[in-house]
Amino acid sequence: MIDMKIFCMSDIHGCYKEFTTALSKIKKSLDNEDSKLILLGDYIHGGDGNYEVCKKVMELQKQYGTDRVITLMGNHERDCIENGTPIEPTEKYDKNIEAIILKWFKTLKLYHVEGNNIFVHAGIDEEGGDLWKVGTPKHYFTDKYPASIGQTPNLDMNIIAGHIGTSTISGDPNFHDIYHDGHNHYYIDGSTLESKIIPILKLTI
């Protein structure tokens, strides 16, 4: 059985330049069929490349397939769907592009399971143990706060999430790397708007 290489990013927030820089680091690996890219949501709002980021992700899915470029929904995408918040809230706003991207937003998954790992934008109801899929309120997947730390109760799986900057979780305002709590949680939101870096979590499954 061939090992699968998983690359995971989150919270791009319209930072197109930083996104392309991160992609350049995994391009050769992604060209191999034994790899996947999992994006944890919040593609928009913050930087000035909201449309560009979304179109790039859609291009990647077309190129590699939706089974190898897996896209999850963040709270910013949910806000656009549920409240009509513009994807591009500036002078670049384009009604036709908004409609295309909003249609794509509605295809985004709330979570993805790969091996012993749960990928999600914000989190799950960990108290539900193995019943987390049915027990987690929908808004937890995109909006759960604060971050959970420590051993997950009744659930022997890793939870990989974004949503909350790792500088906040670590308590170090200068820390923008991947945060692992030493148990079951990995957080990968590197506060790209501040750090200009998108951390890449690499797993082999």
Protein backbone atom coordinates (compact mmCIF):
# COMPACT_ATOMS: atom_id res chain seq x y z
CA MET A 1 0.00 0.00 0.00
CA ILE A 2 1.39 3.41 -1.04
CA ASP A 3 1.63 6.08 1.64
CA MET A 4 -0.46 9.20 0.96
CA LYS A 5 1.19 12.56 1.47
CA ILE A 6 -1.20 15.18 2.86
CA PHE A 7 -0.53 18.92 2.67
CA CYS A 8 -2.83 21.18 4.64
CA MET A 9 -3.31 24.97 4.76
CA SER A 10 -5.88 27.27 6.29
CA ASP A 11 -7.00 30.89 6.60
CA ILE A 12 -5.59 32.36 3.39
CA HIS A 13 -7.84 35.41 3.76
CA GLY A 14 -7.37 36.83 0.29
CA CYS A 15 -3.56 36.79 0.49
CA TYR A 16 -2.95 35.60 -3.06
CA LYS A 17 0.79 36.23 -3.17
CA GLU A 18 1.36 34.30 0.05
CA PHE A 19 -0.88 31.50 -1.23
CA THR A 20 1.07 31.09 -4.48
CA THR A 21 4.32 31.12 -2.51
CA ALA A 22 3.03 28.28 -0.32
CA LEU A 23 1.80 26.35 -3.34
CA SER A 24 5.20 26.63 -5.01
CA LYS A 25 6.69 24.68 -2.11
CA ILE A 26 4.45 21.65 -2.70
CA LYS A 27 3.92 21.81 -6.49
CA LYS A 28 6.26 18.91 -7.33
CA SER A 29 4.70 16.72 -4.65
CA LEU A 30 1.16 17.61 -5.70
CA ASP A 31 1.94 16.53 -9.25
CA ASN A 32 2.29 12.98 -7.90
CA GLU A 33 -0.89 10.97 -7.44
CA ASP A 34 0.13 9.89 -3.93
CA SER A 35 -0.58 13.37 -2.55
CA LYS A 36 -3.52 15.51 -1.50
CA LEU A 37 -4.03 19.16 -0.61
CA ILE A 38 -6.60 19.92 2.08
CA LEU A 39 -7.67 23.54 2.54
CA LEU A 40 -9.49 24.35 5.78
CA GLY A 41 -11.46 27.42 4.74
CA ASP A 42 -11.44 31.20 5.13
CA TYR A 43 -10.14 31.82 1.62
CA ILE A 44 -11.41 35.40 1.71
CA HIS A 45 -11.61 38.72 3.57
CA GLY A 46 -8.50 40.56 4.65
CA GLY A 47 -6.14 40.70 1.69
CA ASP A 48 -6.89 42.21 -1.70
CA GLY A 49 -6.87 38.94 -3.67
CA ASN A 50 -10.19 37.39 -2.66
CA TYR A 51 -11.30 36.51 -6.19
CA GLU A 52 -7.80 35.43 -7.20
CA VAL A 53 -7.47 33.01 -4.28
CA CYS A 54 -10.87 31.44 -4.92
CA LYS A 55 -10.27 31.10 -8.65
CA LYS A 56 -6.86 29.54 -8.01
CA VAL A 57 -8.37 26.94 -5.67
CA MET A 58 -11.07 26.12 -8.22
CA GLU A 59 -8.37 25.76 -10.90
CA LEU A 60 -6.46 23.36 -8.65
CA GLN A 61 -9.58 21.25 -8.17
CA LYS A 62 -10.12 21.16 -11.92
CA GLN A 63 -6.48 20.21 -12.50
CA TYR A 64 -6.08 17.56 -9.80
CA GLY A 65 -9.67 16.59 -9.02
CA THR A 66 -11.85 17.25 -6.00
CA ASP A 67 -10.67 14.00 -4.43
CA ARG A 68 -7.10 15.34 -4.27
CA VAL A 69 -7.77 19.03 -3.63
CA ILE A 70 -10.26 18.97 -0.78
CA THR A 71 -11.90 22.22 0.24
CA LEU A 72 -13.64 22.93 3.54
CA MET A 73 -15.88 25.79 4.56
CA GLY A 74 -14.76 28.50 6.96
CA ASN A 75 -16.85 31.03 8.84
CA HIS A 76 -16.22 33.68 6.18
CA GLU A 77 -17.61 31.48 3.40
CA ARG A 78 -20.57 30.55 5.59
CA ASP A 79 -21.20 34.26 6.22
CA CYS A 80 -21.35 34.92 2.49
CA ILE A 81 -23.83 32.07 1.97
CA GLU A 82 -26.09 32.78 4.93
CA ASN A 83 -25.91 36.56 5.20
CA GLY A 84 -25.10 37.73 1.70
CA THR A 85 -21.79 39.30 2.74
CA PRO A 86 -19.79 40.25 -0.38
CA ILE A 87 -16.82 38.08 -1.24
CA GLU A 88 -14.97 41.13 -2.50
CA PRO A 89 -16.12 44.14 -0.42
CA THR A 90 -14.09 46.71 -2.38
CA GLU A 91 -14.17 48.58 -5.67
CA LYS A 92 -13.19 45.28 -7.33
CA TYR A 93 -16.67 43.86 -6.61
CA ASP A 94 -18.08 42.03 -9.65
CA LYS A 95 -21.61 40.63 -9.50
CA ASN A 96 -20.92 37.88 -12.04
CA ILE A 97 -17.75 36.66 -10.34
CA GLU A 98 -19.50 36.79 -6.96
CA ALA A 99 -22.22 34.47 -8.27
CA ILE A 100 -19.72 31.94 -9.62
CA ILE A 101 -17.68 31.82 -6.42
CA LEU A 102 -20.76 31.76 -4.18
CA LYS A 103 -22.00 28.71 -6.09
CA TRP A 104 -18.64 27.06 -5.39
CA PHE A 105 -18.84 28.01 -1.71
CA LYS A 106 -22.02 25.95 -1.45
CA THR A 107 -20.07 22.82 -2.45
CA LEU A 108 -17.53 23.19 0.38
CA LYS A 109 -17.43 20.44 3.02
CA LEU A 110 -17.74 21.07 6.75
CA TYR A 111 -15.11 18.46 7.60
CA HIS A 112 -12.97 15.75 6.07
CA VAL A 113 -11.65 12.54 7.59
CA GLU A 114 -8.40 11.04 6.36
CA GLY A 115 -7.01 8.09 8.26
CA ASN A 116 -6.98 8.94 11.95
CA ASN A 117 -7.33 12.68 11.29
CA ILE A 118 -10.31 15.03 11.32
CA PHE A 119 -9.77 18.14 9.23
CA VAL A 120 -12.09 21.04 10.04
CA HIS A 121 -12.02 24.82 9.96
CA ALA A 122 -12.78 25.49 13.62
CA GLY A 123 -13.53 22.32 15.56
CA ILE A 124 -15.98 19.63 16.60
CA ASP A 125 -17.96 18.68 19.68
CA GLU A 126 -15.28 16.54 21.29
CA GLU A 127 -17.53 15.46 24.16
CA GLY A 128 -19.51 13.39 21.68
CA GLY A 129 -16.66 10.94 21.22
CA ASP A 130 -17.15 8.64 18.25
CA LEU A 131 -20.56 10.22 17.62
CA TRP A 132 -19.03 13.62 16.81
CA LYS A 133 -20.30 13.57 13.22
CA VAL A 134 -23.94 13.61 14.33
CA GLY A 135 -23.45 15.37 17.65
CA THR A 136 -21.54 18.44 16.49
CA PRO A 137 -23.76 21.51 15.92
CA LYS A 138 -23.25 22.80 12.39
CA HIS A 139 -21.82 26.13 13.50
CA TYR A 140 -19.09 24.39 15.53
CA PHE A 141 -17.39 23.23 12.33
CA THR A 142 -16.91 26.80 11.12
CA ASP A 143 -17.07 28.97 14.27
CA LYS A 144 -16.06 26.95 17.36
CA TYR A 145 -14.29 29.13 19.93
CA PRO A 146 -12.12 28.96 21.96
CA ALA A 147 -9.67 26.36 20.73
CA SER A 148 -9.72 23.00 22.50
CA ILE A 149 -6.43 21.84 23.96
CA GLY A 150 -5.38 18.53 25.48
CA GLN A 151 -6.45 14.92 25.13
CA THR A 152 -9.77 14.53 23.35
CA PRO A 153 -12.31 12.73 25.56
CA ASN A 154 -13.49 9.37 24.19
CA LEU A 155 -12.03 10.08 20.76
CA ASP A 156 -8.72 8.66 19.61
CA MET A 157 -8.27 10.89 16.57
CA ASN A 158 -6.25 13.97 15.68
CA ILE A 159 -8.11 17.21 15.06
CA ILE A 160 -6.51 19.60 12.59
CA ALA A 161 -8.04 23.07 12.47
CA GLY A 162 -7.47 26.71 11.61
CA HIS A 163 -9.75 29.61 12.53
CA ILE A 164 -7.78 30.88 15.55
CA GLY A 165 -4.28 32.21 15.07
CA THR A 166 -1.55 30.07 16.56
CA SER A 167 -0.12 33.20 18.17
CA THR A 168 -3.32 33.39 20.23
CA ILE A 169 -3.35 29.69 21.05
CA SER A 170 0.33 29.59 22.00
CA GLY A 171 0.20 32.84 23.94
CA ASP A 172 3.17 34.13 21.96
CA PRO A 173 2.32 37.11 19.68
CA ASN A 174 5.36 36.31 17.52
CA PHE A 175 4.47 32.65 16.94
CA HIS A 176 2.85 32.01 13.55
CA ASP A 177 3.83 28.41 12.90
CA ILE A 178 1.92 25.15 13.32
CA TYR A 179 0.87 24.57 16.92
CA HIS A 180 0.63 21.06 18.37
CA ASP A 181 -0.64 20.72 21.91
CA GLY A 182 1.24 17.48 22.54
CA HIS A 183 -1.97 15.46 22.36
CA ASN A 184 -4.60 15.39 19.60
CA HIS A 185 -4.78 18.95 18.32
CA TYR A 186 -2.94 20.69 15.52
CA TYR A 187 -3.72 24.33 14.72
CA ILE A 188 -2.39 25.87 11.52
CA ASP A 189 -3.76 29.42 11.19
CA GLY A 190 -0.55 31.44 10.97
CA SER A 191 -2.33 34.84 10.95
CA THR A 192 -1.22 35.41 7.36
CA LEU A 193 -2.37 39.02 7.27
CA GLU A 194 0.21 39.79 9.95
CA SER A 195 2.92 37.19 9.32
CA LYS A 196 2.76 37.07 5.50
CA ILE A 197 3.26 33.32 5.82
CA ILE A 198 0.88 30.42 5.27
CA PRO A 199 2.08 27.43 7.31
CA ILE A 200 1.89 24.04 5.60
CA LEU A 201 1.16 20.98 7.71
CA LYS A 202 2.60 17.85 6.11
CA LEU A 203 1.36 14.38 7.05
CA THR A 204 1.99 10.91 5.69
CA ILE A 205 -0.93 8.54 6.03
